[in-house]
Amino acid sequence: MTRNVWITAAVISFAGAAFAQEHVATLRSGTPLADNAEPPAIAKVVNSDLRQVRNYPEQPPLIPHKIDGYQIDLNANQCMQCHSRTAVEVSQAPMISITHFMSRDNQFLASVTPRRYFCNQCHVVQVEARALVENGFVDIDSVLEYVEQNQGSSD
């Protein structure tokens, strides 16, 4: 009897997994999970060198230029050729934030702290691509404007 219960449970779990694979909502545009879809074309990187608006306080600035081939490893950080304290006068690029010189204990260091050395952990380039999923994000300025407009109507 126990053996039949185990066999039945195994059959149901395998059947459920097969059913789930056919009906899981994914970003694969109808390609079955067992197959490889044709990859989309690589989107074009925005390369305007214009600062982009931040959507919320403390958002890391976006990278407004291509960084293909930039070396960022333990030996070198190519971003610092333009964004270091000593290079900004010549490059006219914005200097990295003072927070990048702070240790974990909030002590200021003479050079970039190792935990802030790998720029791409927070800063990203933008591409000209359609959104993969719908996004209802509203930036803080829109929220403040909405509140200001509706404060008078609640009185």
Protein backbone atom coordinates (compact mmCIF):
# COMPACT_ATOMS: atom_id res chain seq x y z
CA MET A 1 0.00 0.00 0.00
CA THR A 2 2.77 2.43 0.93
CA ARG A 3 4.53 1.69 -2.32
CA ASN A 4 1.41 2.65 -4.32
CA VAL A 5 1.14 5.93 -2.40
CA TRP A 6 4.77 6.80 -3.24
CA ILE A 7 4.33 5.94 -6.90
CA THR A 8 1.12 8.00 -7.10
CA ALA A 9 2.82 10.96 -5.41
CA ALA A 10 5.78 10.74 -7.82
CA VAL A 11 3.50 10.61 -10.87
CA ILE A 12 1.47 13.60 -9.65
CA SER A 13 4.59 15.67 -8.93
CA PHE A 14 6.10 14.95 -12.35
CA ALA A 15 2.80 15.69 -14.09
CA GLY A 16 2.42 18.91 -12.10
CA ALA A 17 5.94 20.01 -13.05
CA ALA A 18 5.27 19.29 -16.73
CA PHE A 19 1.99 21.22 -16.57
CA ALA A 20 3.69 24.14 -14.79
CA GLN A 21 6.40 24.34 -17.46
CA GLU A 22 3.80 24.82 -20.16
CA HIS A 23 1.86 27.52 -18.31
CA VAL A 24 4.42 29.63 -16.45
CA ALA A 25 4.30 33.32 -17.39
CA THR A 26 7.78 34.35 -18.52
CA LEU A 27 9.53 36.96 -20.61
CA ARG A 28 10.35 34.27 -23.19
CA SER A 29 7.60 35.35 -25.64
CA GLY A 30 6.02 31.93 -25.91
CA THR A 31 9.24 29.93 -26.27
CA PRO A 32 8.95 26.71 -24.22
CA LEU A 33 11.26 26.50 -21.22
CA ALA A 34 13.09 23.51 -22.70
CA ASP A 35 14.02 25.46 -25.87
CA ASN A 36 16.44 28.32 -26.41
CA ALA A 37 14.86 31.46 -27.83
CA GLU A 38 16.56 33.68 -30.37
CA PRO A 39 18.33 36.36 -28.36
CA PRO A 40 17.15 39.91 -28.99
CA ALA A 41 19.50 42.37 -30.65
CA ILE A 42 21.78 44.16 -28.23
CA ALA A 43 20.26 47.55 -27.46
CA LYS A 44 22.13 50.73 -28.37
CA VAL A 45 23.83 52.41 -25.41
CA VAL A 46 22.85 56.02 -24.77
CA ASN A 47 26.04 57.97 -25.41
CA SER A 48 25.01 61.59 -24.90
CA ASP A 49 27.38 62.65 -22.09
CA LEU A 50 24.43 64.60 -20.63
CA ARG A 51 23.61 64.14 -16.98
CA GLN A 52 20.32 62.36 -16.49
CA VAL A 53 17.67 63.25 -13.93
CA ARG A 54 17.60 61.10 -10.82
CA ASN A 55 14.24 59.61 -9.91
CA TYR A 56 14.69 59.52 -6.14
CA PRO A 57 17.04 60.93 -3.49
CA GLU A 58 20.30 59.02 -3.14
CA GLN A 59 19.88 57.32 -6.55
CA PRO A 60 23.35 56.62 -7.94
CA PRO A 61 23.92 58.75 -11.05
CA LEU A 62 23.50 56.97 -14.36
CA ILE A 63 26.48 56.66 -16.70
CA PRO A 64 25.68 58.84 -19.75
CA HIS A 65 28.31 57.33 -22.05
CA LYS A 66 29.63 54.01 -23.32
CA ILE A 67 31.96 52.06 -21.06
CA ASP A 68 32.70 49.13 -23.36
CA GLY A 69 36.19 47.86 -22.67
CA TYR A 70 36.70 49.91 -19.50
CA GLN A 71 39.08 48.17 -17.14
CA ILE A 72 37.68 48.02 -13.62
CA ASP A 73 39.47 45.41 -11.56
CA LEU A 74 41.87 45.15 -8.62
CA ASN A 75 44.68 46.71 -10.68
CA ALA A 76 42.95 49.63 -12.39
CA ASN A 77 39.75 51.64 -12.51
CA GLN A 78 39.43 53.45 -15.81
CA CYS A 79 36.51 55.56 -14.52
CA MET A 80 38.93 57.39 -12.28
CA GLN A 81 40.86 58.78 -15.28
CA CYS A 82 38.07 61.36 -15.62
CA HIS A 83 36.15 61.28 -12.33
CA SER A 84 38.96 61.39 -9.74
CA ARG A 85 39.56 64.47 -7.66
CA THR A 86 42.69 65.36 -9.64
CA ALA A 87 41.24 64.71 -13.14
CA VAL A 88 37.97 66.65 -13.10
CA GLU A 89 39.54 70.01 -13.92
CA VAL A 90 40.84 68.69 -17.23
CA SER A 91 38.05 66.22 -18.06
CA GLN A 92 35.14 68.43 -16.89
CA ALA A 93 33.45 65.23 -15.68
CA PRO A 94 31.70 65.32 -12.30
CA MET A 95 33.91 64.24 -9.42
CA ILE A 96 32.88 61.11 -7.56
CA SER A 97 30.87 61.74 -4.43
CA ILE A 98 32.63 62.43 -1.16
CA THR A 99 30.84 59.34 0.18
CA HIS A 100 33.17 57.24 -1.99
CA PHE A 101 36.04 58.29 0.30
CA MET A 102 34.34 57.16 3.52
CA SER A 103 35.19 53.93 5.32
CA ARG A 104 32.59 51.67 6.92
CA ASP A 105 33.13 53.62 10.13
CA ASN A 106 32.40 56.94 8.35
CA GLN A 107 36.04 58.00 8.49
CA PHE A 108 37.31 59.96 5.47
CA LEU A 109 40.16 58.36 3.56
CA ALA A 110 42.71 59.91 1.20
CA SER A 111 41.64 57.65 -1.67
CA VAL A 112 38.52 55.81 -2.78
CA THR A 113 37.42 53.21 -0.27
CA PRO A 114 37.70 49.64 -1.59
CA ARG A 115 33.97 49.06 -1.07
CA ARG A 116 33.23 51.87 -3.56
CA TYR A 117 35.93 50.97 -6.09
CA PHE A 118 33.81 48.83 -8.46
CA CYS A 119 31.60 51.50 -10.06
CA ASN A 120 29.24 49.15 -11.90
CA GLN A 121 27.86 47.80 -8.67
CA CYS A 122 25.68 50.94 -8.48
CA HIS A 123 26.19 53.01 -11.63
CA VAL A 124 24.78 51.73 -14.91
CA VAL A 125 24.66 52.81 -18.53
CA GLN A 126 21.29 53.35 -20.19
CA VAL A 127 20.14 51.72 -23.39
CA GLU A 128 17.50 52.55 -25.96
CA ALA A 129 15.19 49.61 -25.30
CA ARG A 130 11.54 49.01 -24.57
CA ALA A 131 10.66 48.03 -21.03
CA LEU A 132 10.41 44.28 -20.47
CA VAL A 133 7.63 44.67 -17.93
CA GLU A 134 5.14 47.42 -17.20
CA ASN A 135 6.37 49.92 -14.67
CA GLY A 136 4.21 52.29 -12.66
CA PHE A 137 7.11 54.06 -10.95
CA VAL A 138 6.40 57.71 -10.14
CA ASP A 139 9.32 59.98 -9.25
CA ILE A 140 9.31 62.07 -6.09
CA ASP A 141 8.67 65.37 -7.91
CA SER A 142 5.44 63.96 -9.38
CA VAL A 143 4.35 62.73 -5.95
CA LEU A 144 5.03 66.13 -4.36
CA GLU A 145 3.17 67.90 -7.17
CA TYR A 146 0.19 65.56 -6.74
CA VAL A 147 0.10 66.18 -2.97
CA GLU A 148 0.33 69.94 -3.46
CA GLN A 149 -2.52 69.96 -5.99
CA ASN A 150 -4.77 67.82 -3.79
CA GLN A 151 -4.14 69.53 -0.46
CA GLY A 152 -6.51 72.38 -1.30
CA SER A 153 -9.32 70.04 -2.41
CA SER A 154 -9.44 68.17 0.95
CA ASP A 155 -10.14 71.32 3.02
